[in-house]
Amino acid sequence: MAGLRAKQKADKTRRILDAAATLFRREGYDNARIEVIAEMAEVSVGTLYNYYQNKGDILVATVAMEVSEVLEGGARIVASPPLNVAEALRTLIAQYYDHSLVYLSKEMWRTAMAISIQQPETPLSRRYTELDGQLSAQVVRLVETLQARGVVHAAVDAKAMGEVFFNNLNMMFIEFCKVDTMPLEELKARVEAQHAPIAALISTVKIV
């Protein structure tokens, strides 16, 4: 019985988030109404409020759903990465970027980022920061894995280097979200160009 309740709850949660993502894209975050989300998800407004207190909670839950799927895909890459620093970074970061607009538009990302900065002590902001931390930790694990396999110099501080790579890809993603006309391929090309010199410096394998 408990398993059935958990399944029903997960189903309602997914319906709410899918409905919200659709409505946020169509109407914009500010114009989207809780009542319409509930109607689209085929739940009562009261039921929706049992799951989420406000639109901000729904938005960060959508971000969490996005990041969760990104991390799952990233874990497979980290477990068996290309044994070339630049290629491994390119593969992992492409996984992040290619999935970034599946549930969220650039406008939705901008809103989530703004809320997390404007209201730093709220559960929403703390959750957003936590998700960033999980992504950063995964990039660190990639560098550690490459180091363990002899591809990255042993003297390199893998944690610090992974955080540098993540901080850059994250900042570039923020810039990408600011410009509605910038395509994903341009973002990926710019980040790859920025990471290439660092990858070459820390790599034990020199590309001629």
N, C-alpha and C. Protein backbone atom coordinates (compact mmCIF):
# COMPACT_ATOMS: atom_id res chain seq x y z
N MET A 1 0.82 -1.21 0.00
CA MET A 1 0.00 0.00 0.00
C MET A 1 0.86 1.27 0.00
N ALA A 2 1.92 1.23 0.84
CA ALA A 2 2.83 2.37 0.90
C ALA A 2 3.50 2.60 -0.45
N GLY A 3 3.82 1.49 -1.13
CA GLY A 3 4.44 1.60 -2.44
C GLY A 3 3.52 2.24 -3.45
N LEU A 4 2.23 1.94 -3.36
CA LEU A 4 1.24 2.52 -4.27
C LEU A 4 1.10 4.01 -4.02
N ARG A 5 1.08 4.41 -2.74
CA ARG A 5 0.98 5.84 -2.41
C ARG A 5 2.19 6.60 -2.92
N ALA A 6 3.36 6.00 -2.76
CA ALA A 6 4.59 6.66 -3.24
C ALA A 6 4.55 6.83 -4.76
N LYS A 7 4.05 5.81 -5.44
CA LYS A 7 3.96 5.88 -6.90
C LYS A 7 2.97 6.95 -7.33
N GLN A 8 1.83 7.03 -6.63
CA GLN A 8 0.82 8.04 -6.95
C GLN A 8 1.37 9.45 -6.70
N LYS A 9 2.12 9.60 -5.59
CA LYS A 9 2.71 10.90 -5.29
C LYS A 9 3.72 11.30 -6.35
N ALA A 10 4.57 10.35 -6.76
CA ALA A 10 5.57 10.62 -7.79
C ALA A 10 4.90 10.99 -9.11
N ASP A 11 3.79 10.32 -9.42
CA ASP A 11 3.06 10.61 -10.65
C ASP A 11 2.48 12.01 -10.61
N LYS A 12 1.88 12.40 -9.49
CA LYS A 12 1.31 13.74 -9.37
C LYS A 12 2.40 14.80 -9.43
N THR A 13 3.52 14.53 -8.75
CA THR A 13 4.63 15.47 -8.78
C THR A 13 5.11 15.70 -10.20
N ARG A 14 5.27 14.62 -10.96
CA ARG A 14 5.76 14.74 -12.33
C ARG A 14 4.74 15.50 -13.20
N ARG A 15 3.46 15.24 -13.00
CA ARG A 15 2.44 15.93 -13.78
C ARG A 15 2.45 17.43 -13.49
N ILE A 16 2.61 17.76 -12.22
CA ILE A 16 2.66 19.18 -11.84
C ILE A 16 3.86 19.87 -12.47
N LEU A 17 5.03 19.24 -12.39
CA LEU A 17 6.25 19.85 -12.92
C LEU A 17 6.21 19.95 -14.44
N ASP A 18 5.70 18.92 -15.11
CA ASP A 18 5.58 18.97 -16.57
C ASP A 18 4.61 20.07 -16.98
N ALA A 19 3.49 20.19 -16.25
CA ALA A 19 2.51 21.24 -16.57
C ALA A 19 3.11 22.62 -16.34
N ALA A 20 3.82 22.76 -15.23
CA ALA A 20 4.43 24.06 -14.91
C ALA A 20 5.46 24.44 -15.96
N ALA A 21 6.32 23.49 -16.35
CA ALA A 21 7.33 23.79 -17.36
C ALA A 21 6.69 24.23 -18.66
N THR A 22 5.61 23.55 -19.06
CA THR A 22 4.90 23.92 -20.29
C THR A 22 4.30 25.32 -20.18
N LEU A 23 3.67 25.60 -19.05
CA LEU A 23 3.01 26.90 -18.88
C LEU A 23 4.03 28.03 -18.73
N PHE A 24 5.11 27.78 -17.98
CA PHE A 24 6.15 28.79 -17.84
C PHE A 24 6.72 29.18 -19.20
N ARG A 25 6.93 28.18 -20.05
CA ARG A 25 7.46 28.46 -21.39
C ARG A 25 6.45 29.25 -22.22
N ARG A 26 5.18 28.88 -22.11
CA ARG A 26 4.16 29.47 -22.97
C ARG A 26 3.76 30.88 -22.51
N GLU A 27 3.59 31.05 -21.20
CA GLU A 27 3.07 32.31 -20.68
C GLU A 27 4.14 33.19 -20.03
N GLY A 28 5.29 32.57 -19.71
CA GLY A 28 6.28 33.28 -18.92
C GLY A 28 6.04 33.03 -17.44
N TYR A 29 7.09 33.03 -16.67
CA TYR A 29 6.97 32.69 -15.24
C TYR A 29 6.03 33.63 -14.52
N ASP A 30 6.18 34.94 -14.74
CA ASP A 30 5.37 35.91 -14.00
C ASP A 30 3.89 35.79 -14.32
N ASN A 31 3.55 35.45 -15.56
CA ASN A 31 2.15 35.39 -15.98
C ASN A 31 1.48 34.06 -15.66
N ALA A 32 2.25 33.04 -15.39
CA ALA A 32 1.69 31.71 -15.12
C ALA A 32 0.93 31.73 -13.79
N ARG A 33 -0.23 31.09 -13.77
CA ARG A 33 -1.06 31.06 -12.57
C ARG A 33 -1.12 29.64 -12.01
N ILE A 34 -1.06 29.56 -10.70
CA ILE A 34 -1.10 28.27 -10.00
C ILE A 34 -2.34 27.47 -10.40
N GLU A 35 -3.47 28.16 -10.53
CA GLU A 35 -4.72 27.48 -10.86
C GLU A 35 -4.65 26.78 -12.21
N VAL A 36 -3.97 27.43 -13.16
CA VAL A 36 -3.84 26.84 -14.50
C VAL A 36 -2.89 25.65 -14.47
N ILE A 37 -1.82 25.75 -13.70
CA ILE A 37 -0.90 24.61 -13.55
C ILE A 37 -1.65 23.41 -12.99
N ALA A 38 -2.45 23.65 -11.96
CA ALA A 38 -3.21 22.56 -11.34
C ALA A 38 -4.17 21.93 -12.35
N GLU A 39 -4.84 22.78 -13.12
CA GLU A 39 -5.78 22.27 -14.13
C GLU A 39 -5.07 21.42 -15.17
N MET A 40 -3.94 21.91 -15.66
CA MET A 40 -3.18 21.17 -16.66
C MET A 40 -2.66 19.84 -16.10
N ALA A 41 -2.31 19.84 -14.82
CA ALA A 41 -1.78 18.62 -14.18
C ALA A 41 -2.88 17.68 -13.72
N GLU A 42 -4.12 18.13 -13.85
CA GLU A 42 -5.29 17.34 -13.44
C GLU A 42 -5.26 17.02 -11.94
N VAL A 43 -4.93 18.05 -11.16
CA VAL A 43 -5.01 17.94 -9.70
C VAL A 43 -5.74 19.18 -9.20
N SER A 44 -6.25 19.12 -7.99
CA SER A 44 -6.90 20.29 -7.40
C SER A 44 -5.84 21.29 -6.96
N VAL A 45 -6.27 22.54 -6.82
CA VAL A 45 -5.35 23.57 -6.34
C VAL A 45 -4.86 23.21 -4.93
N GLY A 46 -5.76 22.68 -4.11
CA GLY A 46 -5.38 22.28 -2.76
C GLY A 46 -4.31 21.21 -2.76
N THR A 47 -4.45 20.24 -3.68
CA THR A 47 -3.44 19.18 -3.80
C THR A 47 -2.10 19.76 -4.21
N LEU A 48 -2.13 20.69 -5.17
CA LEU A 48 -0.88 21.31 -5.61
C LEU A 48 -0.18 22.00 -4.45
N TYR A 49 -0.97 22.71 -3.63
CA TYR A 49 -0.36 23.41 -2.50
C TYR A 49 0.13 22.45 -1.42
N ASN A 50 -0.34 21.23 -1.43
CA ASN A 50 0.22 20.23 -0.52
C ASN A 50 1.64 19.83 -0.93
N TYR A 51 1.94 20.02 -2.21
CA TYR A 51 3.25 19.66 -2.73
C TYR A 51 4.20 20.87 -2.77
N TYR A 52 3.67 22.02 -3.16
CA TYR A 52 4.50 23.22 -3.33
C TYR A 52 3.77 24.44 -2.77
N GLN A 53 4.51 25.29 -2.07
CA GLN A 53 3.89 26.44 -1.43
C GLN A 53 3.62 27.59 -2.40
N ASN A 54 4.45 27.68 -3.46
CA ASN A 54 4.30 28.79 -4.39
C ASN A 54 4.99 28.46 -5.72
N LYS A 55 4.94 29.39 -6.66
CA LYS A 55 5.55 29.17 -7.98
C LYS A 55 7.06 29.02 -7.88
N GLY A 56 7.67 29.73 -6.94
CA GLY A 56 9.11 29.61 -6.78
C GLY A 56 9.52 28.19 -6.42
N ASP A 57 8.73 27.56 -5.53
CA ASP A 57 9.01 26.17 -5.16
C ASP A 57 8.89 25.25 -6.37
N ILE A 58 7.88 25.51 -7.19
CA ILE A 58 7.68 24.70 -8.40
C ILE A 58 8.85 24.88 -9.35
N LEU A 59 9.30 26.11 -9.49
CA LEU A 59 10.41 26.39 -10.41
C LEU A 59 11.69 25.69 -9.96
N VAL A 60 12.01 25.78 -8.68
CA VAL A 60 13.25 25.14 -8.21
C VAL A 60 13.13 23.63 -8.27
N ALA A 61 11.91 23.10 -8.10
CA ALA A 61 11.72 21.66 -8.25
C ALA A 61 11.95 21.23 -9.69
N THR A 62 11.58 22.10 -10.63
CA THR A 62 11.83 21.82 -12.05
C THR A 62 13.33 21.85 -12.33
N VAL A 63 14.02 22.81 -11.75
CA VAL A 63 15.48 22.87 -11.87
C VAL A 63 16.09 21.59 -11.30
N ALA A 64 15.59 21.16 -10.15
CA ALA A 64 16.11 19.94 -9.51
C ALA A 64 15.89 18.72 -10.39
N MET A 65 14.73 18.64 -11.03
CA MET A 65 14.45 17.53 -11.95
C MET A 65 15.43 17.55 -13.11
N GLU A 66 15.70 18.74 -13.63
CA GLU A 66 16.66 18.90 -14.72
C GLU A 66 18.04 18.43 -14.30
N VAL A 67 18.51 18.95 -13.16
CA VAL A 67 19.86 18.64 -12.69
C VAL A 67 20.00 17.16 -12.33
N SER A 68 18.96 16.58 -11.76
CA SER A 68 19.00 15.16 -11.41
C SER A 68 19.26 14.30 -12.64
N GLU A 69 18.57 14.60 -13.73
CA GLU A 69 18.78 13.82 -14.96
C GLU A 69 20.15 14.10 -15.56
N VAL A 70 20.61 15.34 -15.45
CA VAL A 70 21.95 15.69 -15.94
C VAL A 70 23.01 14.93 -15.17
N LEU A 71 22.86 14.86 -13.85
CA LEU A 71 23.83 14.16 -13.01
C LEU A 71 23.86 12.67 -13.32
N GLU A 72 22.70 12.08 -13.59
CA GLU A 72 22.66 10.66 -13.94
C GLU A 72 23.46 10.40 -15.22
N GLY A 73 23.24 11.24 -16.22
CA GLY A 73 24.01 11.09 -17.46
C GLY A 73 25.48 11.36 -17.25
N GLY A 74 25.79 12.36 -16.42
CA GLY A 74 27.18 12.69 -16.14
C GLY A 74 27.90 11.59 -15.41
N ALA A 75 27.19 10.89 -14.51
CA ALA A 75 27.81 9.80 -13.75
C ALA A 75 28.32 8.71 -14.67
N ARG A 76 27.58 8.44 -15.73
CA ARG A 76 28.02 7.40 -16.68
C ARG A 76 29.29 7.82 -17.41
N ILE A 77 29.39 9.10 -17.71
CA ILE A 77 30.59 9.61 -18.38
C ILE A 77 31.79 9.56 -17.43
N VAL A 78 31.58 9.99 -16.19
CA VAL A 78 32.67 10.01 -15.20
C VAL A 78 33.17 8.60 -14.91
N ALA A 79 32.27 7.63 -14.94
CA ALA A 79 32.66 6.25 -14.66
C ALA A 79 33.59 5.68 -15.72
N SER A 80 33.44 6.16 -16.95
CA SER A 80 34.28 5.67 -18.05
C SER A 80 34.53 6.79 -19.05
N PRO A 81 35.36 7.76 -18.66
CA PRO A 81 35.56 8.94 -19.50
C PRO A 81 36.55 8.69 -20.63
N PRO A 82 36.50 9.51 -21.68
CA PRO A 82 37.56 9.47 -22.69
C PRO A 82 38.89 9.77 -22.00
N LEU A 83 39.94 9.06 -22.37
CA LEU A 83 41.23 9.24 -21.71
C LEU A 83 42.03 10.36 -22.37
N ASN A 84 41.39 11.49 -22.46
CA ASN A 84 41.97 12.72 -22.98
C ASN A 84 41.26 13.85 -22.23
N VAL A 85 42.02 14.70 -21.58
CA VAL A 85 41.41 15.68 -20.69
C VAL A 85 40.42 16.58 -21.41
N ALA A 86 40.84 17.16 -22.54
CA ALA A 86 39.96 18.08 -23.26
C ALA A 86 38.70 17.37 -23.76
N GLU A 87 38.86 16.15 -24.26
CA GLU A 87 37.72 15.41 -24.77
C GLU A 87 36.77 14.99 -23.65
N ALA A 88 37.33 14.60 -22.51
CA ALA A 88 36.50 14.21 -21.37
C ALA A 88 35.68 15.40 -20.87
N LEU A 89 36.32 16.55 -20.77
CA LEU A 89 35.60 17.76 -20.35
C LEU A 89 34.52 18.11 -21.36
N ARG A 90 34.87 18.06 -22.63
CA ARG A 90 33.92 18.39 -23.69
C ARG A 90 32.70 17.46 -23.63
N THR A 91 32.93 16.18 -23.39
CA THR A 91 31.84 15.21 -23.34
C THR A 91 30.92 15.46 -22.16
N LEU A 92 31.51 15.70 -20.97
CA LEU A 92 30.70 15.93 -19.78
C LEU A 92 29.93 17.24 -19.89
N ILE A 93 30.60 18.28 -20.34
CA ILE A 93 29.94 19.59 -20.41
C ILE A 93 28.85 19.58 -21.47
N ALA A 94 29.05 18.88 -22.56
CA ALA A 94 28.01 18.76 -23.58
C ALA A 94 26.77 18.09 -23.00
N GLN A 95 26.99 17.08 -22.13
CA GLN A 95 25.88 16.42 -21.45
C GLN A 95 25.09 17.44 -20.62
N TYR A 96 25.80 18.30 -19.92
CA TYR A 96 25.14 19.33 -19.11
C TYR A 96 24.35 20.30 -19.99
N TYR A 97 25.04 20.86 -20.97
CA TYR A 97 24.42 21.91 -21.79
C TYR A 97 23.29 21.38 -22.67
N ASP A 98 23.48 20.21 -23.26
CA ASP A 98 22.46 19.68 -24.17
C ASP A 98 21.15 19.40 -23.45
N HIS A 99 21.24 19.12 -22.14
CA HIS A 99 20.01 18.82 -21.38
C HIS A 99 19.44 20.06 -20.71
N SER A 100 20.15 21.18 -20.77
CA SER A 100 19.79 22.34 -19.95
C SER A 100 18.47 22.99 -20.33
N LEU A 101 18.03 22.81 -21.56
CA LEU A 101 16.80 23.46 -22.01
C LEU A 101 15.67 22.46 -22.26
N VAL A 102 15.79 21.27 -21.70
CA VAL A 102 14.74 20.27 -21.88
C VAL A 102 13.48 20.68 -21.14
N TYR A 103 13.61 21.11 -19.89
CA TYR A 103 12.46 21.50 -19.09
C TYR A 103 12.37 23.02 -18.88
N LEU A 104 13.50 23.69 -18.96
CA LEU A 104 13.54 25.12 -18.66
C LEU A 104 13.96 25.94 -19.87
N SER A 105 13.34 27.08 -20.03
CA SER A 105 13.76 28.04 -21.04
C SER A 105 14.83 28.94 -20.44
N LYS A 106 15.45 29.76 -21.27
CA LYS A 106 16.43 30.71 -20.73
C LYS A 106 15.77 31.66 -19.74
N GLU A 107 14.54 32.07 -20.03
CA GLU A 107 13.82 32.97 -19.12
C GLU A 107 13.60 32.31 -17.77
N MET A 108 13.27 31.04 -17.78
CA MET A 108 13.06 30.31 -16.52
C MET A 108 14.37 30.20 -15.73
N TRP A 109 15.47 29.92 -16.42
CA TRP A 109 16.77 29.87 -15.74
C TRP A 109 17.11 31.22 -15.13
N ARG A 110 16.85 32.30 -15.88
CA ARG A 110 17.16 33.64 -15.35
C ARG A 110 16.35 33.92 -14.08
N THR A 111 15.10 33.51 -14.09
CA THR A 111 14.24 33.73 -12.92
C THR A 111 14.75 32.93 -11.73
N ALA A 112 15.09 31.66 -11.96
CA ALA A 112 15.60 30.82 -10.86
C ALA A 112 16.90 31.40 -10.29
N MET A 113 17.78 31.84 -11.18
CA MET A 113 19.04 32.44 -10.73
C MET A 113 18.78 33.70 -9.92
N ALA A 114 17.88 34.55 -10.41
CA ALA A 114 17.60 35.82 -9.73
C ALA A 114 17.01 35.58 -8.35
N ILE A 115 16.07 34.63 -8.25
CA ILE A 115 15.46 34.33 -6.95
C ILE A 115 16.51 33.82 -5.97
N SER A 116 17.42 32.97 -6.47
CA SER A 116 18.43 32.39 -5.58
C SER A 116 19.39 33.46 -5.05
N ILE A 117 19.60 34.52 -5.83
CA ILE A 117 20.49 35.61 -5.41
C ILE A 117 19.76 36.60 -4.52
N GLN A 118 18.52 36.93 -4.89
CA GLN A 118 17.76 37.94 -4.16
C GLN A 118 17.28 37.45 -2.80
N GLN A 119 17.06 36.14 -2.69
CA GLN A 119 16.53 35.58 -1.45
C GLN A 119 17.45 34.45 -0.96
N PRO A 120 18.71 34.80 -0.59
CA PRO A 120 19.73 33.77 -0.31
C PRO A 120 19.42 32.87 0.88
N GLU A 121 18.55 33.29 1.81
CA GLU A 121 18.28 32.50 3.01
C GLU A 121 17.06 31.60 2.85
N THR A 122 16.42 31.63 1.69
CA THR A 122 15.21 30.82 1.50
C THR A 122 15.57 29.39 1.15
N PRO A 123 14.65 28.44 1.40
CA PRO A 123 14.89 27.05 1.00
C PRO A 123 15.15 26.92 -0.50
N LEU A 124 14.47 27.74 -1.30
CA LEU A 124 14.68 27.70 -2.75
C LEU A 124 16.13 28.02 -3.09
N SER A 125 16.65 29.10 -2.51
CA SER A 125 18.02 29.51 -2.80
C SER A 125 19.02 28.46 -2.32
N ARG A 126 18.78 27.91 -1.13
CA ARG A 126 19.70 26.89 -0.61
C ARG A 126 19.69 25.64 -1.49
N ARG A 127 18.52 25.28 -2.00
CA ARG A 127 18.42 24.12 -2.87
C ARG A 127 19.14 24.37 -4.17
N TYR A 128 19.01 25.57 -4.72
CA TYR A 128 19.70 25.92 -5.97
C TYR A 128 21.21 25.83 -5.77
N THR A 129 21.69 26.35 -4.65
CA THR A 129 23.12 26.30 -4.35
C THR A 129 23.60 24.85 -4.18
N GLU A 130 22.76 24.04 -3.55
CA GLU A 130 23.08 22.62 -3.36
C GLU A 130 23.23 21.90 -4.70
N LEU A 131 22.34 22.21 -5.64
CA LEU A 131 22.40 21.58 -6.96
C LEU A 131 23.68 21.98 -7.69
N ASP A 132 24.04 23.25 -7.59
CA ASP A 132 25.31 23.70 -8.18
C ASP A 132 26.47 22.93 -7.56
N GLY A 133 26.40 22.72 -6.26
CA GLY A 133 27.47 21.99 -5.58
C GLY A 133 27.59 20.56 -6.06
N GLN A 134 26.47 19.92 -6.35
CA GLN A 134 26.50 18.55 -6.86
C GLN A 134 27.14 18.49 -8.24
N LEU A 135 26.84 19.46 -9.07
CA LEU A 135 27.44 19.50 -10.41
C LEU A 135 28.94 19.76 -10.31
N SER A 136 29.32 20.69 -9.45
CA SER A 136 30.74 20.98 -9.26
C SER A 136 31.48 19.74 -8.77
N ALA A 137 30.88 19.02 -7.83
CA ALA A 137 31.51 17.81 -7.30
C ALA A 137 31.68 16.76 -8.39
N GLN A 138 30.75 16.71 -9.33
CA GLN A 138 30.87 15.73 -10.40
C GLN A 138 32.02 16.08 -11.35
N VAL A 139 32.22 17.36 -11.61
CA VAL A 139 33.36 17.76 -12.44
C VAL A 139 34.67 17.43 -11.72
N VAL A 140 34.69 17.65 -10.41
CA VAL A 140 35.87 17.27 -9.61
C VAL A 140 36.13 15.78 -9.74
N ARG A 141 35.08 14.97 -9.65
CA ARG A 141 35.26 13.51 -9.77
C ARG A 141 35.80 13.12 -11.14
N LEU A 142 35.41 13.85 -12.17
CA LEU A 142 35.96 13.58 -13.50
C LEU A 142 37.47 13.80 -13.51
N VAL A 143 37.92 14.92 -12.96
CA VAL A 143 39.36 15.21 -12.93
C VAL A 143 40.07 14.16 -12.07
N GLU A 144 39.47 13.78 -10.95
CA GLU A 144 40.08 12.76 -10.08
C GLU A 144 40.19 11.42 -10.81
N THR A 145 39.15 11.08 -11.56
CA THR A 145 39.17 9.83 -12.32
C THR A 145 40.28 9.83 -13.36
N LEU A 146 40.40 10.94 -14.08
CA LEU A 146 41.45 11.06 -15.09
C LEU A 146 42.83 11.02 -14.45
N GLN A 147 42.94 11.62 -13.28
CA GLN A 147 44.22 11.60 -12.57
C GLN A 147 44.57 10.18 -12.12
N ALA A 148 43.58 9.47 -11.62
CA ALA A 148 43.80 8.09 -11.17
C ALA A 148 44.22 7.19 -12.33
N ARG A 149 43.82 7.54 -13.53
CA ARG A 149 44.15 6.73 -14.71
C ARG A 149 45.40 7.25 -15.43
N GLY A 150 46.08 8.20 -14.78
CA GLY A 150 47.37 8.66 -15.30
C GLY A 150 47.30 9.68 -16.41
N VAL A 151 46.12 10.23 -16.65
CA VAL A 151 45.95 11.20 -17.75
C VAL A 151 46.21 12.63 -17.28
N VAL A 152 45.98 12.88 -15.98
CA VAL A 152 46.24 14.19 -15.38
C VAL A 152 47.46 14.07 -14.47
N HIS A 153 48.34 15.05 -14.51
CA HIS A 153 49.55 15.03 -13.68
C HIS A 153 49.20 14.81 -12.20
N ALA A 154 49.99 13.99 -11.54
CA ALA A 154 49.75 13.65 -10.14
C ALA A 154 49.84 14.87 -9.23
N ALA A 155 50.63 15.87 -9.61
CA ALA A 155 50.81 17.05 -8.77
C ALA A 155 49.62 18.01 -8.82
N VAL A 156 48.72 17.82 -9.74
CA VAL A 156 47.57 18.72 -9.90
C VAL A 156 46.59 18.52 -8.73
N ASP A 157 46.11 19.62 -8.19
CA ASP A 157 45.06 19.58 -7.17
C ASP A 157 43.73 19.35 -7.90
N ALA A 158 43.27 18.10 -7.90
CA ALA A 158 42.10 17.74 -8.71
C ALA A 158 40.85 18.48 -8.25
N LYS A 159 40.70 18.68 -6.95
CA LYS A 159 39.51 19.37 -6.45
C LYS A 159 39.50 20.82 -6.91
N ALA A 160 40.62 21.50 -6.73
CA ALA A 160 40.70 22.90 -7.15
C ALA A 160 40.50 23.03 -8.65
N MET A 161 41.12 22.13 -9.43
CA MET A 161 41.02 22.21 -10.88
C MET A 161 39.59 21.93 -11.35
N GLY A 162 38.95 20.93 -10.74
CA GLY A 162 37.57 20.64 -11.10
C GLY A 162 36.65 21.81 -10.81
N GLU A 163 36.89 22.47 -9.68
CA GLU A 163 36.07 23.63 -9.33
C GLU A 163 36.31 24.79 -10.29
N VAL A 164 37.53 24.94 -10.77
CA VAL A 164 37.82 25.98 -11.77
C VAL A 164 37.04 25.71 -13.05
N PHE A 165 37.08 24.46 -13.51
CA PHE A 165 36.34 24.11 -14.73
C PHE A 165 34.84 24.34 -14.54
N PHE A 166 34.31 23.91 -13.38
CA PHE A 166 32.88 24.09 -13.16
C PHE A 166 32.51 25.57 -13.07
N ASN A 167 33.29 26.34 -12.31
CA ASN A 167 32.97 27.77 -12.16
C ASN A 167 32.93 28.46 -13.52
N ASN A 168 33.84 28.08 -14.41
CA ASN A 168 33.84 28.70 -15.74
C ASN A 168 32.63 28.26 -16.56
N LEU A 169 32.36 26.95 -16.59
CA LEU A 169 31.22 26.49 -17.41
C LEU A 169 29.91 27.04 -16.86
N ASN A 170 29.83 27.22 -15.53
CA ASN A 170 28.63 27.77 -14.92
C ASN A 170 28.46 29.25 -15.27
N MET A 171 29.55 30.01 -15.18
CA MET A 171 29.49 31.43 -15.52
C MET A 171 29.16 31.63 -17.00
N MET A 172 29.71 30.79 -17.84
CA MET A 172 29.41 30.89 -19.27
C MET A 172 27.95 30.53 -19.54
N PHE A 173 27.40 29.60 -18.76
CA PHE A 173 25.98 29.26 -18.92
C PHE A 173 25.10 30.44 -18.52
N ILE A 174 25.50 31.16 -17.48
CA ILE A 174 24.76 32.37 -17.09
C ILE A 174 24.78 33.37 -18.23
N GLU A 175 25.94 33.58 -18.86
CA GLU A 175 26.03 34.50 -20.00
C GLU A 175 25.15 34.02 -21.15
N PHE A 176 25.13 32.71 -21.38
CA PHE A 176 24.29 32.12 -22.42
C PHE A 176 22.81 32.42 -22.15
N CYS A 177 22.40 32.30 -20.90
CA CYS A 177 21.00 32.55 -20.55
C CYS A 177 20.61 34.01 -20.69
N LYS A 178 21.58 34.90 -20.62
CA LYS A 178 21.29 36.33 -20.78
C LYS A 178 20.96 36.71 -22.22
N VAL A 179 21.46 35.90 -23.16
CA VAL A 179 21.33 36.25 -24.59
C VAL A 179 20.39 35.24 -25.25
N ASP A 180 19.18 35.65 -25.51
CA ASP A 180 18.19 34.71 -26.05
C ASP A 180 18.57 34.16 -27.42
N THR A 181 19.36 34.93 -28.17
CA THR A 181 19.70 34.50 -29.53
C THR A 181 20.94 33.61 -29.61
N MET A 182 21.68 33.43 -28.49
CA MET A 182 22.89 32.63 -28.54
C MET A 182 22.53 31.14 -28.61
N PRO A 183 23.01 30.41 -29.63
CA PRO A 183 22.72 28.97 -29.71
C PRO A 183 23.64 28.16 -28.80
N LEU A 184 23.20 26.96 -28.47
CA LEU A 184 23.99 26.07 -27.61
C LEU A 184 25.36 25.77 -28.21
N GLU A 185 25.41 25.59 -29.53
CA GLU A 185 26.68 25.24 -30.15
C GLU A 185 27.72 26.33 -29.96
N GLU A 186 27.29 27.58 -29.96
CA GLU A 186 28.23 28.67 -29.72
C GLU A 186 28.74 28.63 -28.28
N LEU A 187 27.83 28.39 -27.34
CA LEU A 187 28.24 28.27 -25.94
C LEU A 187 29.27 27.16 -25.78
N LYS A 188 29.00 25.99 -26.33
CA LYS A 188 29.92 24.86 -26.18
C LYS A 188 31.27 25.17 -26.82
N ALA A 189 31.26 25.81 -27.97
CA ALA A 189 32.52 26.13 -28.65
C ALA A 189 33.35 27.12 -27.83
N ARG A 190 32.71 28.11 -27.25
CA ARG A 190 33.43 29.11 -26.46
C ARG A 190 34.04 28.49 -25.21
N VAL A 191 33.28 27.63 -24.53
CA VAL A 191 33.78 27.00 -23.31
C VAL A 191 34.92 26.03 -23.63
N GLU A 192 34.77 25.28 -24.72
CA GLU A 192 35.83 24.37 -25.13
C GLU A 192 37.12 25.12 -25.42
N ALA A 193 37.02 26.25 -26.08
CA ALA A 193 38.21 27.05 -26.40
C ALA A 193 38.87 27.58 -25.14
N GLN A 194 38.07 27.92 -24.14
CA GLN A 194 38.62 28.43 -22.88
C GLN A 194 39.28 27.33 -22.06
N HIS A 195 38.72 26.13 -22.13
CA HIS A 195 39.26 25.02 -21.33
C HIS A 195 40.46 24.34 -21.97
N ALA A 196 40.57 24.45 -23.28
CA ALA A 196 41.63 23.72 -23.99
C ALA A 196 43.04 24.01 -23.47
N PRO A 197 43.43 25.28 -23.26
CA PRO A 197 44.79 25.54 -22.77
C PRO A 197 45.04 24.96 -21.38
N ILE A 198 44.03 25.01 -20.51
CA ILE A 198 44.20 24.46 -19.16
C ILE A 198 44.30 22.94 -19.22
N ALA A 199 43.46 22.35 -20.07
CA ALA A 199 43.50 20.89 -20.23
C ALA A 199 44.88 20.44 -20.70
N ALA A 200 45.46 21.20 -21.62
CA ALA A 200 46.79 20.86 -22.13
C ALA A 200 47.85 20.95 -21.04
N LEU A 201 47.72 21.94 -20.16
CA LEU A 201 48.71 22.14 -19.10
C LEU A 201 48.70 21.01 -18.07
N ILE A 202 47.52 20.48 -17.77
CA ILE A 202 47.43 19.47 -16.72
C ILE A 202 47.53 18.05 -17.26
N SER A 203 47.53 17.89 -18.58
CA SER A 203 47.52 16.57 -19.18
C SER A 203 48.92 15.97 -19.25
N THR A 204 48.99 14.66 -18.99
CA THR A 204 50.26 13.95 -19.14
C THR A 204 50.48 13.53 -20.60
N VAL A 205 49.42 13.61 -21.39
CA VAL A 205 49.49 13.22 -22.79
C VAL A 205 49.50 14.50 -23.63
N LYS A 206 50.57 14.75 -24.31
CA LYS A 206 50.70 15.95 -25.12
C LYS A 206 50.21 15.68 -26.53
N ILE A 207 49.27 16.51 -26.98
CA ILE A 207 48.74 16.38 -28.34
C ILE A 207 49.58 17.20 -29.28
N VAL A 208 50.13 16.54 -30.29
CA VAL A 208 50.99 17.22 -31.27
C VAL A 208 50.14 17.71 -32.43
